[in-house]
C-alpha atoms as a PDB file:
ATOM      1  CA  MET A   1      -0.077  -0.004  -0.007  1.00  0.00           C
ATOM      2  CA  LYS A   2       2.751   2.313   0.911  1.00  0.00           C
ATOM      3  CA  LYS A   3       4.646   1.517  -2.292  1.00  0.00           C
ATOM      4  CA  ALA A   4       1.485   2.414  -4.405  1.00  0.00           C
ATOM      5  CA  ASN A   5       1.155   5.691  -2.643  1.00  0.00           C
ATOM      6  CA  LYS A   6       4.735   6.647  -3.220  1.00  0.00           C
ATOM      7  CA  LEU A   7       4.467   5.705  -6.851  1.00  0.00           C
ATOM      8  CA  LEU A   8       1.270   7.693  -7.237  1.00  0.00           C
ATOM      9  CA  ARG A   9       2.874  10.669  -5.623  1.00  0.00           C
ATOM     10  CA  LYS A  10       5.861  10.417  -7.975  1.00  0.00           C
ATOM     11  CA  ARG A  11       3.655  10.223 -11.036  1.00  0.00           C
ATOM     12  CA  LEU A  12       1.599  13.212  -9.803  1.00  0.00           C
ATOM     13  CA  LEU A  13       4.768  15.332  -9.048  1.00  0.00           C
ATOM     14  CA  LYS A  14       6.107  14.435 -12.344  1.00  0.00           C
ATOM     15  CA  SER A  15       2.962  15.346 -14.333  1.00  0.00           C
ATOM     16  CA  LYS A  16       2.666  18.625 -12.289  1.00  0.00           C
ATOM     17  CA  LYS A  17       6.346  19.505 -13.184  1.00  0.00           C
ATOM     18  CA  GLU A  18       5.638  18.684 -16.964  1.00  0.00           C
ATOM     19  CA  MET A  19       2.557  20.843 -16.833  1.00  0.00           C
ATOM     20  CA  ASN A  20       4.530  23.757 -15.190  1.00  0.00           C
ATOM     21  CA  GLN A  21       7.247  23.346 -17.868  1.00  0.00           C
ATOM     22  CA  LYS A  22       4.569  23.456 -20.713  1.00  0.00           C
ATOM     23  CA  THR A  23       3.085  26.613 -18.954  1.00  0.00           C
ATOM     24  CA  LYS A  24       6.393  28.222 -18.855  1.00  0.00           C
ATOM     25  CA  VAL A  25       7.248  27.433 -22.467  1.00  0.00           C
ATOM     26  CA  SER A  26       3.800  28.601 -23.657  1.00  0.00           C
ATOM     27  CA  PHE A  27       4.048  31.877 -21.713  1.00  0.00           C
ATOM     28  CA  CYS A  28       7.577  32.666 -22.862  1.00  0.00           C
ATOM     29  CA  LEU A  29       6.858  31.969 -26.403  1.00  0.00           C
ATOM     30  CA  LEU A  30       3.605  33.989 -26.425  1.00  0.00           C
ATOM     31  CA  THR A  31       5.370  36.902 -24.809  1.00  0.00           C
ATOM     32  CA  GLY A  32       8.386  36.663 -27.094  1.00  0.00           C
ATOM     33  CA  ILE A  33       6.215  36.911 -30.111  1.00  0.00           C
ATOM     34  CA  LEU A  34       4.011  39.708 -28.716  1.00  0.00           C
ATOM     35  CA  PHE A  35       7.014  41.823 -27.670  1.00  0.00           C
ATOM     36  CA  THR A  36       8.570  41.286 -30.979  1.00  0.00           C
ATOM     37  CA  LEU A  37       5.421  42.558 -32.625  1.00  0.00           C
ATOM     38  CA  PHE A  38       5.255  45.478 -30.135  1.00  0.00           C
ATOM     39  CA  ALA A  39       8.867  46.360 -31.229  1.00  0.00           C
ATOM     40  CA  ALA A  40       7.914  46.069 -34.975  1.00  0.00           C
ATOM     41  CA  PHE A  41       4.904  48.584 -34.549  1.00  0.00           C
ATOM     42  CA  GLN A  42       7.397  51.265 -33.261  1.00  0.00           C
ATOM     43  CA  TYR A  43       8.887  51.962 -36.571  1.00  0.00           C
ATOM     44  CA  ASN A  44       6.682  55.072 -37.033  1.00  0.00           C
ATOM     45  CA  ASP A  45       7.131  56.312 -33.486  1.00  0.00           C
ATOM     46  CA  PRO A  46       8.920  59.695 -32.905  1.00  0.00           C
ATOM     47  CA  ASP A  47      11.675  57.809 -31.043  1.00  0.00           C
ATOM     48  CA  PRO A  48      11.607  54.326 -32.502  1.00  0.00           C
ATOM     49  CA  LEU A  49      15.037  53.177 -31.515  1.00  0.00           C
ATOM     50  CA  VAL A  50      14.328  53.533 -27.821  1.00  0.00           C
ATOM     51  CA  TRP A  51      11.041  51.689 -27.921  1.00  0.00           C
ATOM     52  CA  ILE A  52      12.239  48.877 -30.272  1.00  0.00           C
ATOM     53  CA  LEU A  53      15.036  48.235 -27.864  1.00  0.00           C
ATOM     54  CA  VAL A  54      12.793  48.324 -24.763  1.00  0.00           C
ATOM     55  CA  TYR A  55      10.426  45.752 -26.363  1.00  0.00           C
ATOM     56  CA  MET A  56      13.019  43.586 -27.940  1.00  0.00           C
ATOM     57  CA  PHE A  57      14.795  43.267 -24.614  1.00  0.00           C
ATOM     58  CA  VAL A  58      11.732  41.640 -23.091  1.00  0.00           C
ATOM     59  CA  ALA A  59      11.265  39.506 -26.133  1.00  0.00           C
ATOM     60  CA  VAL A  60      14.816  38.313 -26.073  1.00  0.00           C
ATOM     61  CA  LEU A  61      14.581  37.546 -22.349  1.00  0.00           C
ATOM     62  CA  SER A  62      11.467  35.573 -22.844  1.00  0.00           C
ATOM     63  CA  VAL A  63      12.925  33.320 -25.572  1.00  0.00           C
ATOM     64  CA  ILE A  64      16.224  32.824 -23.586  1.00  0.00           C
ATOM     65  CA  SER A  65      14.139  31.815 -20.505  1.00  0.00           C
ATOM     66  CA  ILE A  66      12.751  28.896 -22.462  1.00  0.00           C
ATOM     67  CA  PHE A  67      16.182  27.399 -22.649  1.00  0.00           C
ATOM     68  CA  ARG A  68      17.845  28.400 -19.354  1.00  0.00           C
ATOM     69  CA  ARG A  69      17.079  29.943 -15.954  1.00  0.00           C
ATOM     70  CA  LEU A  70      17.545  33.832 -16.098  1.00  0.00           C
ATOM     71  CA  ASN A  71      19.433  35.780 -13.533  1.00  0.00           C
ATOM     72  CA  GLN A  72      16.877  36.980 -11.059  1.00  0.00           C
ATOM     73  CA  TYR A  73      18.796  40.132 -10.344  1.00  0.00           C
ATOM     74  CA  LEU A  74      18.764  41.149 -13.992  1.00  0.00           C
ATOM     75  CA  ILE A  75      15.009  40.555 -14.230  1.00  0.00           C
ATOM     76  CA  LEU A  76      14.339  42.353 -10.909  1.00  0.00           C
ATOM     77  CA  THR A  77      16.477  45.403 -11.941  1.00  0.00           C
ATOM     78  CA  THR A  78      14.782  45.595 -15.182  1.00  0.00           C
ATOM     79  CA  ILE A  79      11.318  45.378 -13.624  1.00  0.00           C
ATOM     80  CA  ILE A  80      12.281  48.279 -11.414  1.00  0.00           C
ATOM     81  CA  MET A  81      13.612  50.356 -14.218  1.00  0.00           C
ATOM     82  CA  TYR A  82      10.573  49.752 -16.378  1.00  0.00           C
ATOM     83  CA  ALA A  83       8.000  50.246 -13.617  1.00  0.00           C
ATOM     84  CA  SER A  84       9.919  53.414 -12.570  1.00  0.00           C
ATOM     85  CA  GLY A  85       9.693  54.693 -16.251  1.00  0.00           C
ATOM     86  CA  ALA A  86       5.932  53.835 -16.322  1.00  0.00           C
ATOM     87  CA  ILE A  87       5.437  55.929 -13.291  1.00  0.00           C
ATOM     88  CA  TYR A  88       7.699  58.842 -14.535  1.00  0.00           C
ATOM     89  CA  LEU A  89       6.106  58.971 -17.825  1.00  0.00           C
ATOM     90  CA  TRP A  90       2.417  58.837 -16.773  1.00  0.00           C
ATOM     91  CA  PRO A  91       0.910  62.130 -17.792  1.00  0.00           C
ATOM     92  CA  ASP A  92      -0.491  64.667 -15.322  1.00  0.00           C
ATOM     93  CA  VAL A  93      -3.766  64.617 -17.131  1.00  0.00           C
ATOM     94  CA  TYR A  94      -4.916  61.285 -18.635  1.00  0.00           C
ATOM     95  CA  MET A  95      -6.672  61.819 -21.900  1.00  0.00           C
ATOM     96  CA  GLY A  96      -6.872  58.178 -23.108  1.00  0.00           C
ATOM     97  CA  VAL A  97      -4.914  56.366 -25.578  1.00  0.00           C
ATOM     98  CA  THR A  98      -7.289  55.956 -28.505  1.00  0.00           C
ATOM     99  CA  MET A  99      -7.006  59.493 -30.042  1.00  0.00           C
ATOM    100  CA  PRO A 100      -4.352  60.295 -32.728  1.00  0.00           C
ATOM    101  CA  MET A 101      -0.856  61.067 -31.469  1.00  0.00           C
ATOM    102  CA  SER A 102      -0.946  64.559 -33.013  1.00  0.00           C
ATOM    103  CA  TYR A 103      -3.845  65.508 -30.829  1.00  0.00           C
ATOM    104  CA  LYS A 104      -1.974  65.897 -27.513  1.00  0.00           C
ATOM    105  CA  PRO A 105       1.402  64.772 -26.111  1.00  0.00           C
ATOM    106  CA  GLU A 106      -0.238  63.427 -22.950  1.00  0.00           C
ATOM    107  CA  ILE A 107      -1.727  60.595 -25.168  1.00  0.00           C
ATOM    108  CA  GLU A 108       1.670  59.575 -26.359  1.00  0.00           C
ATOM    109  CA  LEU A 109       3.122  59.666 -22.876  1.00  0.00           C
ATOM    110  CA  ALA A 110       0.118  57.472 -21.595  1.00  0.00           C
ATOM    111  CA  ARG A 111       0.804  54.939 -24.278  1.00  0.00           C
ATOM    112  CA  GLU A 112       4.451  54.732 -23.534  1.00  0.00           C
ATOM    113  CA  SER A 113       3.807  54.483 -19.861  1.00  0.00           C
ATOM    114  CA  LEU A 114       1.287  51.663 -20.422  1.00  0.00           C
ATOM    115  CA  GLY A 115       3.853  49.864 -22.548  1.00  0.00           C
ATOM    116  CA  LEU A 116       6.294  50.051 -19.899  1.00  0.00           C
ATOM    117  CA  GLY A 117       3.940  48.802 -17.388  1.00  0.00           C
ATOM    118  CA  ILE A 118       2.985  45.825 -19.501  1.00  0.00           C
ATOM    119  CA  ALA A 119       6.568  45.061 -19.977  1.00  0.00           C
ATOM    120  CA  ALA A 120       7.096  45.243 -16.155  1.00  0.00           C
ATOM    121  CA  LEU A 121       4.213  42.856 -15.616  1.00  0.00           C
ATOM    122  CA  THR A 122       5.538  40.507 -18.205  1.00  0.00           C
ATOM    123  CA  LEU A 123       9.118  40.508 -16.608  1.00  0.00           C
ATOM    124  CA  THR A 124       7.395  39.659 -13.176  1.00  0.00           C
ATOM    125  CA  GLY A 125       6.040  36.589 -14.801  1.00  0.00           C
ATOM    126  CA  LEU A 126       9.451  35.697 -16.080  1.00  0.00           C
ATOM    127  CA  LEU A 127      10.847  36.301 -12.656  1.00  0.00           C
ATOM    128  CA  ALA A 128       8.247  33.910 -11.305  1.00  0.00           C
ATOM    129  CA  PHE A 129       9.394  31.202 -13.676  1.00  0.00           C
ATOM    130  CA  SER A 130      13.163  31.856 -12.803  1.00  0.00           C
ATOM    131  CA  ILE A 131      12.700  31.253  -9.211  1.00  0.00           C
ATOM    132  CA  PRO A 132      13.975  27.638  -8.327  1.00  0.00           C
ATOM    133  CA  LYS A 133      11.277  25.488  -6.895  1.00  0.00           C
ATOM    134  CA  LYS A 134      11.925  23.500  -3.787  1.00  0.00           C
ATOM    135  CA  ARG A 135      12.276  19.861  -4.478  1.00  0.00           C
ATOM    136  CA  VAL A 136       9.655  17.627  -2.743  1.00  0.00           C
ATOM    137  CA  THR A 137      10.716  14.095  -2.121  1.00  0.00           C
ATOM    138  CA  ALA A 138       8.144  11.364  -2.097  1.00  0.00           C
END
């Protein structure tokens, strides 16, 4: 009976680990593709190089994290920088993000701030996947 319970526990732990790995790969692939698209959409921005680099950095980290565990301090530092940038760029008066850019500069600032916020949240997900899990022995 004890042997059967141990075997069942091992199988459950193995399937949970495989599920977590599939979730991580799916998340990283999805974010890598999305942030590559975000970077591509920046070609007509007033300052495209800055935003292409910002978004591609997240895309590259997402793809790298599929194959190896990322340095947690690198991710945490980037989260702090991106979140700080999002707060700093947030306009004094929020006028939405759907109007044309030429209408008011606050709209462009809100878009850039939200982009940095989304990147920071994505990096938080990557940080969660990079934290080593405690091994549970059966």
